[in-house]
Protein backbone atom coordinates (compact mmCIF):
# COMPACT_ATOMS: atom_id res chain seq x y z
CA UNK A 1 270.66 168.67 128.16
CA UNK A 2 273.88 170.68 127.71
CA UNK A 3 274.89 168.26 124.93
CA UNK A 4 271.51 168.80 123.20
CA UNK A 5 271.90 172.57 123.51
CA UNK A 6 275.30 172.38 121.81
CA UNK A 7 273.96 170.03 119.13
CA UNK A 8 271.12 172.43 118.26
CA UNK A 9 273.36 175.48 118.59
CA UNK A 10 270.99 176.66 121.31
CA UNK A 11 272.11 179.52 123.54
CA UNK A 12 270.55 180.91 126.68
CA UNK A 13 269.50 184.53 126.23
CA UNK A 14 267.46 185.12 129.37
CA UNK A 15 267.22 183.99 132.98
CA UNK A 16 264.58 184.98 135.54
CA UNK A 17 263.99 183.58 139.00
CA UNK A 18 260.38 182.53 139.55
CA UNK A 19 258.51 183.60 142.67
CA UNK A 20 258.84 180.15 144.23
CA UNK A 21 262.54 179.93 143.39
CA UNK A 22 262.10 178.11 140.07
CA UNK A 23 264.36 178.80 137.08
CA UNK A 24 262.77 180.55 134.09
CA UNK A 25 265.21 180.30 131.18
CA UNK A 26 264.93 181.51 127.58
CA UNK A 27 266.92 179.83 124.81
CA UNK A 28 267.32 180.67 121.13
CA UNK A 29 268.40 178.47 118.24
CA UNK A 30 267.94 179.41 114.61
CA UNK A 31 264.47 180.91 114.18
CA UNK A 32 263.16 179.29 117.36
CA UNK A 33 262.88 180.37 120.98
CA UNK A 34 261.95 178.19 123.92
CA UNK A 35 261.14 179.03 127.50
CA UNK A 36 261.93 176.47 130.18
CA UNK A 37 260.81 176.31 133.78
CA UNK A 38 263.08 174.14 135.91
CA UNK A 39 264.29 172.46 132.73
CA UNK A 40 260.83 171.68 131.31
CA UNK A 41 259.76 173.47 128.10
CA UNK A 42 256.80 175.74 128.89
CA UNK A 43 256.64 177.75 125.65
CA UNK A 44 257.95 177.77 122.12
CA UNK A 45 257.94 180.42 119.41
CA UNK A 46 258.92 180.34 115.73
CA UNK A 47 260.15 183.78 114.70
CA UNK A 48 259.03 183.25 111.09
CA UNK A 49 255.57 181.81 111.77
CA UNK A 50 252.87 182.01 114.41
CA UNK A 51 252.72 178.20 114.35
CA UNK A 52 254.94 175.93 116.43
CA UNK A 53 253.89 172.59 114.87
CA UNK A 54 253.42 171.32 118.39
CA UNK A 55 250.57 171.14 120.88
CA UNK A 56 250.09 174.92 121.29
CA UNK A 57 248.71 175.12 117.73
CA UNK A 58 245.88 172.72 118.55
CA UNK A 59 244.16 175.24 120.81
CA UNK A 60 243.79 177.80 118.03
CA UNK A 61 241.01 176.26 115.87
CA UNK A 62 238.60 176.26 118.81
CA UNK A 63 238.33 180.06 118.65
CA UNK A 64 236.86 179.65 115.15
CA UNK A 65 233.80 178.00 116.72
CA UNK A 66 232.58 181.43 117.86
CA UNK A 67 232.01 184.74 116.03
CA UNK A 68 233.76 187.00 118.60
CA UNK A 69 235.40 184.59 121.01
CA UNK A 70 236.09 185.31 124.66
CA UNK A 71 238.95 183.08 125.83
CA UNK A 72 240.34 182.28 129.28
CA UNK A 73 243.83 180.75 129.47
CA UNK A 74 244.87 179.15 132.76
CA UNK A 75 248.67 179.04 132.81
CA UNK A 76 250.64 181.74 130.99
CA UNK A 77 254.02 180.15 130.37
CA UNK A 78 255.77 182.31 127.81
CA UNK A 79 252.46 183.42 126.32
CA UNK A 80 252.63 181.29 123.17
CA UNK A 81 248.86 180.66 122.86
CA UNK A 82 247.89 184.22 123.80
CA UNK A 83 250.34 185.52 121.18
CA UNK A 84 249.06 183.15 118.50
CA UNK A 85 245.41 184.02 119.18
CA UNK A 86 246.07 187.76 119.12
CA UNK A 87 247.97 187.51 115.83
CA UNK A 88 245.22 185.40 114.24
CA UNK A 89 242.14 187.25 115.49
CA UNK A 90 243.35 190.77 116.18
CA UNK A 91 240.91 192.85 118.21
CA UNK A 92 237.97 190.51 117.57
CA UNK A 93 239.01 188.26 120.46
CA UNK A 94 239.10 188.86 124.23
CA UNK A 95 241.96 187.07 126.00
CA UNK A 96 242.15 186.73 129.79
CA UNK A 97 244.98 184.79 131.44
CA UNK A 98 245.35 183.56 135.02
CA UNK A 99 248.90 182.86 136.20
CA UNK A 100 250.21 182.08 139.69
CA UNK A 101 253.74 183.48 139.22
CA UNK A 102 253.90 187.23 138.54
CA UNK A 103 257.52 186.89 137.40
CA UNK A 104 256.24 184.85 134.48
CA UNK A 105 254.67 188.04 133.09
CA UNK A 106 258.06 189.71 132.83
CA UNK A 107 259.47 186.54 131.29
CA UNK A 108 256.70 186.57 128.67
CA UNK A 109 257.56 190.15 127.70
CA UNK A 110 261.19 189.09 127.16
CA UNK A 111 260.19 185.93 125.33
CA UNK A 112 257.60 187.04 122.77
CA UNK A 113 258.64 188.78 119.51
CA UNK A 114 256.38 191.73 120.30
CA UNK A 115 254.13 193.06 123.03
CA UNK A 116 250.54 191.83 122.93
CA UNK A 117 247.32 193.15 124.42
CA UNK A 118 246.30 190.52 126.97
CA UNK A 119 244.73 190.79 130.40
CA UNK A 120 246.89 188.82 132.86
CA UNK A 121 245.54 188.20 136.37
CA UNK A 122 247.80 186.86 139.10
CA UNK A 123 246.11 184.16 141.14
CA UNK A 124 244.85 180.59 141.26
CA UNK A 125 243.17 179.47 138.06
CA UNK A 126 240.90 176.97 139.79
CA UNK A 127 239.70 179.63 142.21
CA UNK A 128 239.14 182.12 139.39
CA UNK A 129 237.06 179.63 137.37
CA UNK A 130 234.91 179.02 140.44
CA UNK A 131 234.26 182.69 141.18
CA UNK A 132 234.10 184.38 137.74
CA UNK A 133 230.73 185.94 136.91
CA UNK A 134 230.91 186.42 133.14
CA UNK A 135 231.04 183.51 130.69
CA UNK A 136 233.76 182.43 128.28
CA UNK A 137 233.48 180.69 124.91
CA UNK A 138 236.76 178.80 125.39
CA UNK A 139 238.65 177.92 128.56
CA UNK A 140 242.20 176.65 127.92
CA UNK A 141 243.94 174.76 130.71
CA UNK A 142 247.71 174.63 130.21
CA UNK A 143 248.88 174.72 133.82
CA UNK A 144 251.78 172.59 134.92
CA UNK A 145 254.22 171.98 137.74
CA UNK A 146 257.17 170.45 135.91
CA UNK A 147 255.40 167.84 133.72
CA UNK A 148 252.25 167.26 135.80
CA UNK A 149 248.90 169.05 135.84
CA UNK A 150 248.39 170.36 139.40
CA UNK A 151 245.97 168.27 141.43
CA UNK A 152 243.39 171.05 141.89
CA UNK A 153 242.62 170.89 138.16
CA UNK A 154 242.02 167.13 138.19
CA UNK A 155 239.00 167.28 140.49
CA UNK A 156 235.28 167.19 139.88
CA UNK A 157 235.10 170.59 141.58
CA UNK A 158 237.28 172.16 138.88
CA UNK A 159 235.42 170.38 136.08
CA UNK A 160 232.14 171.75 137.43
CA UNK A 161 233.63 175.23 137.82
CA UNK A 162 234.97 175.23 134.27
CA UNK A 163 231.57 174.07 132.99
CA UNK A 164 229.85 176.93 134.81
CA UNK A 165 232.44 179.46 133.58
CA UNK A 166 231.56 178.61 129.97
CA UNK A 167 228.66 179.89 127.90
CA UNK A 168 225.89 177.54 126.69
CA UNK A 169 228.00 176.27 123.77
CA UNK A 170 231.40 176.66 125.44
CA UNK A 171 234.49 174.50 125.10
CA UNK A 172 237.11 173.47 127.66
CA UNK A 173 240.48 172.49 126.13
CA UNK A 174 243.19 170.82 128.22
CA UNK A 175 246.83 170.07 127.48
CA UNK A 176 247.68 166.75 129.11
CA UNK A 177 251.09 165.05 128.93
CA UNK A 178 250.26 161.37 128.62
CA UNK A 179 253.42 159.89 130.09
CA UNK A 180 253.56 156.25 131.14
CA UNK A 181 252.88 157.06 134.78
CA UNK A 182 250.08 159.43 133.82
CA UNK A 183 247.87 156.98 131.90
CA UNK A 184 245.76 155.96 134.89
CA UNK A 185 245.39 159.59 135.93
CA UNK A 186 244.29 160.44 132.39
CA UNK A 187 241.63 157.72 132.31
CA UNK A 188 240.26 158.86 135.66
CA UNK A 189 240.31 162.48 134.54
CA UNK A 190 238.42 161.72 131.34
CA UNK A 191 235.77 159.94 133.40
CA UNK A 192 235.25 163.11 135.44
CA UNK A 193 235.10 165.28 132.33
CA UNK A 194 232.52 163.03 130.68
CA UNK A 195 230.08 163.68 133.51
CA UNK A 196 229.64 167.22 132.15
CA UNK A 197 231.09 167.33 128.62
CA UNK A 198 231.39 165.55 125.30
CA UNK A 199 235.11 164.71 125.31
CA UNK A 200 237.45 164.21 122.35
CA UNK A 201 241.19 163.68 121.98
CA UNK A 202 243.38 165.61 119.53
CA UNK A 203 246.97 164.45 119.01
CA UNK A 204 249.28 167.28 117.86
CA UNK A 205 251.64 164.88 116.08
CA UNK A 206 253.02 161.37 116.33
CA UNK A 207 256.18 162.43 118.16
CA UNK A 208 254.76 163.99 121.33
CA UNK A 209 253.23 162.73 124.55
CA UNK A 210 250.87 165.71 124.65
CA UNK A 211 247.19 165.16 124.01
CA UNK A 212 244.60 167.94 123.82
CA UNK A 213 241.31 167.05 125.51
CA UNK A 214 238.54 168.97 123.75
CA UNK A 215 235.50 169.10 126.04
CA UNK A 216 232.35 170.57 124.53
CA UNK A 217 229.05 171.41 126.19
CA UNK A 218 227.06 170.93 122.98
CA UNK A 219 229.15 170.33 119.86
CA UNK A 220 229.76 166.83 118.52
CA UNK A 221 232.75 165.86 116.41
CA UNK A 222 231.12 166.74 113.08
CA UNK A 223 229.87 170.07 114.42
CA UNK A 224 233.38 171.00 115.51
CA UNK A 225 234.93 169.99 112.19
CA UNK A 226 232.30 171.87 110.18
CA UNK A 227 232.69 175.09 112.18
CA UNK A 228 236.48 174.94 112.10
CA UNK A 229 236.40 174.21 108.37
CA UNK A 230 234.22 177.24 107.67
CA UNK A 231 236.50 179.51 109.68
CA UNK A 232 240.08 178.46 109.15
CA UNK A 233 241.72 178.79 105.76
CA UNK A 234 243.40 175.49 104.98
CA UNK A 235 246.76 175.87 103.26
CA UNK A 236 250.25 174.44 103.48
CA UNK A 237 251.00 176.62 106.51
CA UNK A 238 248.23 175.35 108.77
CA UNK A 239 247.23 172.03 107.28
CA UNK A 240 248.92 170.24 110.20
CA UNK A 241 246.30 171.71 112.54
CA UNK A 242 243.39 170.75 110.30
CA UNK A 243 244.81 167.25 109.99
CA UNK A 244 245.02 166.91 113.79
CA UNK A 245 241.32 167.74 114.09
CA UNK A 246 240.32 165.49 111.21
CA UNK A 247 241.92 162.68 113.24
CA UNK A 248 240.13 163.73 116.42
CA UNK A 249 238.53 160.80 118.21
CA UNK A 250 236.16 160.18 121.10
CA UNK A 251 237.99 159.99 124.42
């Protein structure tokens, strides 16, 4: 990794110790910043664009499915998705975040280009989804320990809780790293999700192991594409996101 840092002219500009003793590190190279937790990239920012051209961008179109979206993000990281949503939708969107490590909040403030208005709650995301009383339009699950989704989010109990935390036409979106040893887990997980949702797969690009599982209570593939198409302005800047959804397939 040190060789790659030198190759990319990447320099560490921040270091914070996580609550559990993990290493939160911030690196800069060119117009890009990355946040790592114990060596795994948790967030990425492009200083000249709100888009990363990686998996984070694929969450954004789902907010266009709703007129004034209320979004819950489980897993803060460096705040990439919260930052992107706030920049795109301004005050028309409500963003709540649940994060287990309170030190990650300070790291986010050091990482992002500017301060954003976002409600961060410290606690367990699975427990919050089970107990929350109001309903969200979109629930985004981007919680990881190193490169694995924590077990509590891979259960039928969490799937049911997320379903109940969503409004009648709500959408659950999950970032899943489909590594070789995670394929069986992914197939089992999709089976659980299909008990409650219509499930689709969105691939951010051909060079990543990340897959976004889009789980809808009511919308089919064509419904999603039509609503996104009527909301997002397709141009050279964001055509990579539109293309990812045009290639969306049944899980």
